[in-house]
Amino acid sequence: MKDIEQIIKEVNGTMAMEGMPLTEEDKERLKLCLSNKVSFEEMKKRIIKKHTRNI
């Protein structure tokens, strides 16, 4: 498997080409998931919760 930093660099490059470079927070989230400290499913739940407005 590729090094985590290399994967993040490649993802950032692709996102930057689309005008949406990764933030430091995005990079930290990816590191947590790629190092198996947090599952992608759990991270998805955290992001949805953060951006969901309770009315």
PDB file of N, CA and C in Angstrom:
ATOM      1  N   MET A   1       0.849  -1.190   0.000  1.00  0.00           N
ATOM      2  CA  MET A   1       0.000   0.000   0.000  1.00  0.00           C
ATOM      3  C   MET A   1       0.891   1.249   0.000  1.00  0.00           C
ATOM      4  N   LYS A   2       0.407   2.263  -0.657  1.00  0.00           N
ATOM      5  CA  LYS A   2       1.150   3.519  -0.704  1.00  0.00           C
ATOM      6  C   LYS A   2       1.214   4.156   0.671  1.00  0.00           C
ATOM      7  N   ASP A   3       2.228   4.950   0.871  1.00  0.00           N
ATOM      8  CA  ASP A   3       2.384   5.718   2.092  1.00  0.00           C
ATOM      9  C   ASP A   3       1.203   6.679   2.251  1.00  0.00           C
ATOM     10  N   ILE A   4       0.732   6.840   3.458  1.00  0.00           N
ATOM     11  CA  ILE A   4      -0.428   7.692   3.742  1.00  0.00           C
ATOM     12  C   ILE A   4      -0.205   9.119   3.241  1.00  0.00           C
ATOM     13  N   GLU A   5       0.963   9.656   3.485  1.00  0.00           N
ATOM     14  CA  GLU A   5       1.240  11.026   3.039  1.00  0.00           C
ATOM     15  C   GLU A   5       1.180  11.135   1.517  1.00  0.00           C
ATOM     16  N   GLN A   6       1.640  10.100   0.818  1.00  0.00           N
ATOM     17  CA  GLN A   6       1.608  10.104  -0.645  1.00  0.00           C
ATOM     18  C   GLN A   6       0.165  10.055  -1.144  1.00  0.00           C
ATOM     19  N   ILE A   7      -0.664   9.245  -0.513  1.00  0.00           N
ATOM     20  CA  ILE A   7      -2.073   9.157  -0.896  1.00  0.00           C
ATOM     21  C   ILE A   7      -2.745  10.516  -0.717  1.00  0.00           C
ATOM     22  N   ILE A   8      -2.511  11.148   0.425  1.00  0.00           N
ATOM     23  CA  ILE A   8      -3.120  12.451   0.697  1.00  0.00           C
ATOM     24  C   ILE A   8      -2.623  13.484  -0.317  1.00  0.00           C
ATOM     25  N   LYS A   9      -1.346  13.436  -0.644  1.00  0.00           N
ATOM     26  CA  LYS A   9      -0.789  14.361  -1.629  1.00  0.00           C
ATOM     27  C   LYS A   9      -1.472  14.177  -2.989  1.00  0.00           C
ATOM     28  N   GLU A  10      -1.684  12.934  -3.394  1.00  0.00           N
ATOM     29  CA  GLU A  10      -2.333  12.660  -4.677  1.00  0.00           C
ATOM     30  C   GLU A  10      -3.792  13.119  -4.678  1.00  0.00           C
ATOM     31  N   VAL A  11      -4.492  12.849  -3.586  1.00  0.00           N
ATOM     32  CA  VAL A  11      -5.882  13.291  -3.477  1.00  0.00           C
ATOM     33  C   VAL A  11      -5.947  14.811  -3.518  1.00  0.00           C
ATOM     34  N   ASN A  12      -5.058  15.459  -2.788  1.00  0.00           N
ATOM     35  CA  ASN A  12      -5.025  16.917  -2.763  1.00  0.00           C
ATOM     36  C   ASN A  12      -4.755  17.476  -4.162  1.00  0.00           C
ATOM     37  N   GLY A  13      -3.835  16.858  -4.891  1.00  0.00           N
ATOM     38  CA  GLY A  13      -3.540  17.307  -6.242  1.00  0.00           C
ATOM     39  C   GLY A  13      -4.750  17.205  -7.153  1.00  0.00           C
ATOM     40  N   THR A  14      -5.459  16.109  -7.066  1.00  0.00           N
ATOM     41  CA  THR A  14      -6.655  15.916  -7.880  1.00  0.00           C
ATOM     42  C   THR A  14      -7.731  16.924  -7.503  1.00  0.00           C
ATOM     43  N   MET A  15      -7.930  17.101  -6.211  1.00  0.00           N
ATOM     44  CA  MET A  15      -8.944  18.055  -5.761  1.00  0.00           C
ATOM     45  C   MET A  15      -8.560  19.487  -6.144  1.00  0.00           C
ATOM     46  N   ALA A  16      -7.278  19.814  -6.078  1.00  0.00           N
ATOM     47  CA  ALA A  16      -6.807  21.156  -6.433  1.00  0.00           C
ATOM     48  C   ALA A  16      -7.062  21.447  -7.907  1.00  0.00           C
ATOM     49  N   MET A  17      -6.927  20.437  -8.759  1.00  0.00           N
ATOM     50  CA  MET A  17      -7.204  20.628 -10.188  1.00  0.00           C
ATOM     51  C   MET A  17      -8.661  21.015 -10.421  1.00  0.00           C
ATOM     52  N   GLU A  18      -9.509  20.594  -9.517  1.00  0.00           N
ATOM     53  CA  GLU A  18     -10.936  20.918  -9.608  1.00  0.00           C
ATOM     54  C   GLU A  18     -11.274  22.189  -8.832  1.00  0.00           C
ATOM     55  N   GLY A  19     -10.248  22.843  -8.300  1.00  0.00           N
ATOM     56  CA  GLY A  19     -10.467  24.084  -7.557  1.00  0.00           C
ATOM     57  C   GLY A  19     -10.903  23.884  -6.127  1.00  0.00           C
ATOM     58  N   MET A  20     -10.693  22.667  -5.606  1.00  0.00           N
ATOM     59  CA  MET A  20     -11.115  22.356  -4.240  1.00  0.00           C
ATOM     60  C   MET A  20      -9.996  21.662  -3.466  1.00  0.00           C
ATOM     61  N   PRO A  21      -8.884  22.360  -3.221  1.00  0.00           N
ATOM     62  CA  PRO A  21      -7.790  21.714  -2.490  1.00  0.00           C
ATOM     63  C   PRO A  21      -8.228  21.328  -1.083  1.00  0.00           C
ATOM     64  N   LEU A  22      -7.581  20.318  -0.538  1.00  0.00           N
ATOM     65  CA  LEU A  22      -7.907  19.858   0.809  1.00  0.00           C
ATOM     66  C   LEU A  22      -7.477  20.876   1.853  1.00  0.00           C
ATOM     67  N   THR A  23      -8.295  21.015   2.877  1.00  0.00           N
ATOM     68  CA  THR A  23      -7.921  21.838   4.019  1.00  0.00           C
ATOM     69  C   THR A  23      -7.066  20.975   4.947  1.00  0.00           C
ATOM     70  N   GLU A  24      -6.436  21.602   5.919  1.00  0.00           N
ATOM     71  CA  GLU A  24      -5.670  20.837   6.905  1.00  0.00           C
ATOM     72  C   GLU A  24      -6.591  19.875   7.657  1.00  0.00           C
ATOM     73  N   GLU A  25      -7.814  20.320   7.915  1.00  0.00           N
ATOM     74  CA  GLU A  25      -8.788  19.460   8.593  1.00  0.00           C
ATOM     75  C   GLU A  25      -9.122  18.239   7.731  1.00  0.00           C
ATOM     76  N   ASP A  26      -9.283  18.446   6.425  1.00  0.00           N
ATOM     77  CA  ASP A  26      -9.540  17.325   5.509  1.00  0.00           C
ATOM     78  C   ASP A  26      -8.390  16.321   5.559  1.00  0.00           C
ATOM     79  N   LYS A  27      -7.168  16.843   5.532  1.00  0.00           N
ATOM     80  CA  LYS A  27      -5.984  15.984   5.546  1.00  0.00           C
ATOM     81  C   LYS A  27      -5.915  15.175   6.838  1.00  0.00           C
ATOM     82  N   GLU A  28      -6.253  15.808   7.956  1.00  0.00           N
ATOM     83  CA  GLU A  28      -6.257  15.094   9.239  1.00  0.00           C
ATOM     84  C   GLU A  28      -7.307  13.988   9.243  1.00  0.00           C
ATOM     85  N   ARG A  29      -8.474  14.284   8.684  1.00  0.00           N
ATOM     86  CA  ARG A  29      -9.523  13.259   8.596  1.00  0.00           C
ATOM     87  C   ARG A  29      -9.044  12.065   7.776  1.00  0.00           C
ATOM     88  N   LEU A  30      -8.414  12.354   6.646  1.00  0.00           N
ATOM     89  CA  LEU A  30      -7.903  11.274   5.805  1.00  0.00           C
ATOM     90  C   LEU A  30      -6.849  10.458   6.543  1.00  0.00           C
ATOM     91  N   LYS A  31      -5.955  11.118   7.268  1.00  0.00           N
ATOM     92  CA  LYS A  31      -4.921  10.406   8.026  1.00  0.00           C
ATOM     93  C   LYS A  31      -5.548   9.454   9.037  1.00  0.00           C
ATOM     94  N   LEU A  32      -6.574   9.930   9.737  1.00  0.00           N
ATOM     95  CA  LEU A  32      -7.243   9.084  10.726  1.00  0.00           C
ATOM     96  C   LEU A  32      -7.862   7.849  10.075  1.00  0.00           C
ATOM     97  N   CYS A  33      -8.483   8.043   8.931  1.00  0.00           N
ATOM     98  CA  CYS A  33      -9.125   6.920   8.245  1.00  0.00           C
ATOM     99  C   CYS A  33      -8.100   5.970   7.638  1.00  0.00           C
ATOM    100  N   LEU A  34      -7.105   6.508   6.967  1.00  0.00           N
ATOM    101  CA  LEU A  34      -6.115   5.663   6.307  1.00  0.00           C
ATOM    102  C   LEU A  34      -5.234   4.903   7.293  1.00  0.00           C
ATOM    103  N   SER A  35      -5.106   5.407   8.508  1.00  0.00           N
ATOM    104  CA  SER A  35      -4.327   4.700   9.524  1.00  0.00           C
ATOM    105  C   SER A  35      -5.208   3.785  10.374  1.00  0.00           C
ATOM    106  N   ASN A  36      -6.467   3.646   9.969  1.00  0.00           N
ATOM    107  CA  ASN A  36      -7.439   2.763  10.647  1.00  0.00           C
ATOM    108  C   ASN A  36      -7.728   3.155  12.083  1.00  0.00           C
ATOM    109  N   LYS A  37      -7.555   4.427  12.402  1.00  0.00           N
ATOM    110  CA  LYS A  37      -7.906   4.899  13.736  1.00  0.00           C
ATOM    111  C   LYS A  37      -9.395   5.208  13.818  1.00  0.00           C
ATOM    112  N   VAL A  38      -9.978   5.576  12.668  1.00  0.00           N
ATOM    113  CA  VAL A  38     -11.410   5.850  12.556  1.00  0.00           C
ATOM    114  C   VAL A  38     -11.862   5.246  11.237  1.00  0.00           C
ATOM    115  N   SER A  39     -13.006   4.567  11.244  1.00  0.00           N
ATOM    116  CA  SER A  39     -13.501   3.992   9.989  1.00  0.00           C
ATOM    117  C   SER A  39     -14.055   5.099   9.083  1.00  0.00           C
ATOM    118  N   PHE A  40     -14.062   4.822   7.794  1.00  0.00           N
ATOM    119  CA  PHE A  40     -14.614   5.800   6.863  1.00  0.00           C
ATOM    120  C   PHE A  40     -16.093   6.047   7.168  1.00  0.00           C
ATOM    121  N   GLU A  41     -16.789   5.000   7.567  1.00  0.00           N
ATOM    122  CA  GLU A  41     -18.209   5.135   7.911  1.00  0.00           C
ATOM    123  C   GLU A  41     -18.389   6.068   9.099  1.00  0.00           C
ATOM    124  N   GLU A  42     -17.566   5.909  10.137  1.00  0.00           N
ATOM    125  CA  GLU A  42     -17.644   6.775  11.320  1.00  0.00           C
ATOM    126  C   GLU A  42     -17.298   8.217  10.955  1.00  0.00           C
ATOM    127  N   MET A  43     -16.280   8.394  10.126  1.00  0.00           N
ATOM    128  CA  MET A  43     -15.894   9.747   9.727  1.00  0.00           C
ATOM    129  C   MET A  43     -17.018  10.405   8.928  1.00  0.00           C
ATOM    130  N   LYS A  44     -17.645   9.641   8.074  1.00  0.00           N
ATOM    131  CA  LYS A  44     -18.770  10.169   7.305  1.00  0.00           C
ATOM    132  C   LYS A  44     -19.879  10.641   8.239  1.00  0.00           C
ATOM    133  N   LYS A  45     -20.173   9.865   9.271  1.00  0.00           N
ATOM    134  CA  LYS A  45     -21.190  10.257  10.250  1.00  0.00           C
ATOM    135  C   LYS A  45     -20.801  11.556  10.963  1.00  0.00           C
ATOM    136  N   ARG A  46     -19.520  11.678  11.334  1.00  0.00           N
ATOM    137  CA  ARG A  46     -19.044  12.887  12.018  1.00  0.00           C
ATOM    138  C   ARG A  46     -19.198  14.121  11.131  1.00  0.00           C
ATOM    139  N   ILE A  47     -18.846  13.973   9.857  1.00  0.00           N
ATOM    140  CA  ILE A  47     -18.925  15.106   8.927  1.00  0.00           C
ATOM    141  C   ILE A  47     -20.375  15.507   8.695  1.00  0.00           C
ATOM    142  N   ILE A  48     -21.244  14.515   8.523  1.00  0.00           N
ATOM    143  CA  ILE A  48     -22.665  14.812   8.327  1.00  0.00           C
ATOM    144  C   ILE A  48     -23.228  15.509   9.553  1.00  0.00           C
ATOM    145  N   LYS A  49     -22.875  15.020  10.741  1.00  0.00           N
ATOM    146  CA  LYS A  49     -23.351  15.648  11.980  1.00  0.00           C
ATOM    147  C   LYS A  49     -22.857  17.082  12.074  1.00  0.00           C
ATOM    148  N   LYS A  50     -21.604  17.312  11.737  1.00  0.00           N
ATOM    149  CA  LYS A  50     -21.037  18.663  11.812  1.00  0.00           C
ATOM    150  C   LYS A  50     -21.764  19.639  10.895  1.00  0.00           C
ATOM    151  N   HIS A  51     -22.191  19.172   9.744  1.00  0.00           N
ATOM    152  CA  HIS A  51     -22.776  20.059   8.753  1.00  0.00           C
ATOM    153  C   HIS A  51     -24.308  19.995   8.669  1.00  0.00           C
ATOM    154  N   THR A  52     -24.901  19.256   9.600  1.00  0.00           N
ATOM    155  CA  THR A  52     -26.362  19.171   9.637  1.00  0.00           C
ATOM    156  C   THR A  52     -26.882  20.171  10.656  1.00  0.00           C
ATOM    157  N   ARG A  53     -27.855  20.893  10.241  1.00  0.00           N
ATOM    158  CA  ARG A  53     -28.440  21.915  11.112  1.00  0.00           C
ATOM    159  C   ARG A  53     -29.687  21.342  11.773  1.00  0.00           C
ATOM    160  N   ASN A  54     -29.739  21.389  13.078  1.00  0.00           N
ATOM    161  CA  ASN A  54     -30.918  20.925  13.812  1.00  0.00           C
ATOM    162  C   ASN A  54     -31.916  22.058  13.902  1.00  0.00           C
ATOM    163  N   ILE A  55     -33.065  21.818  13.328  1.00  0.00           N
ATOM    164  CA  ILE A  55     -34.115  22.862  13.333  1.00  0.00           C
ATOM    165  C   ILE A  55     -35.182  22.518  14.332  1.00  0.00           C
TER     166      ILE A  55
END
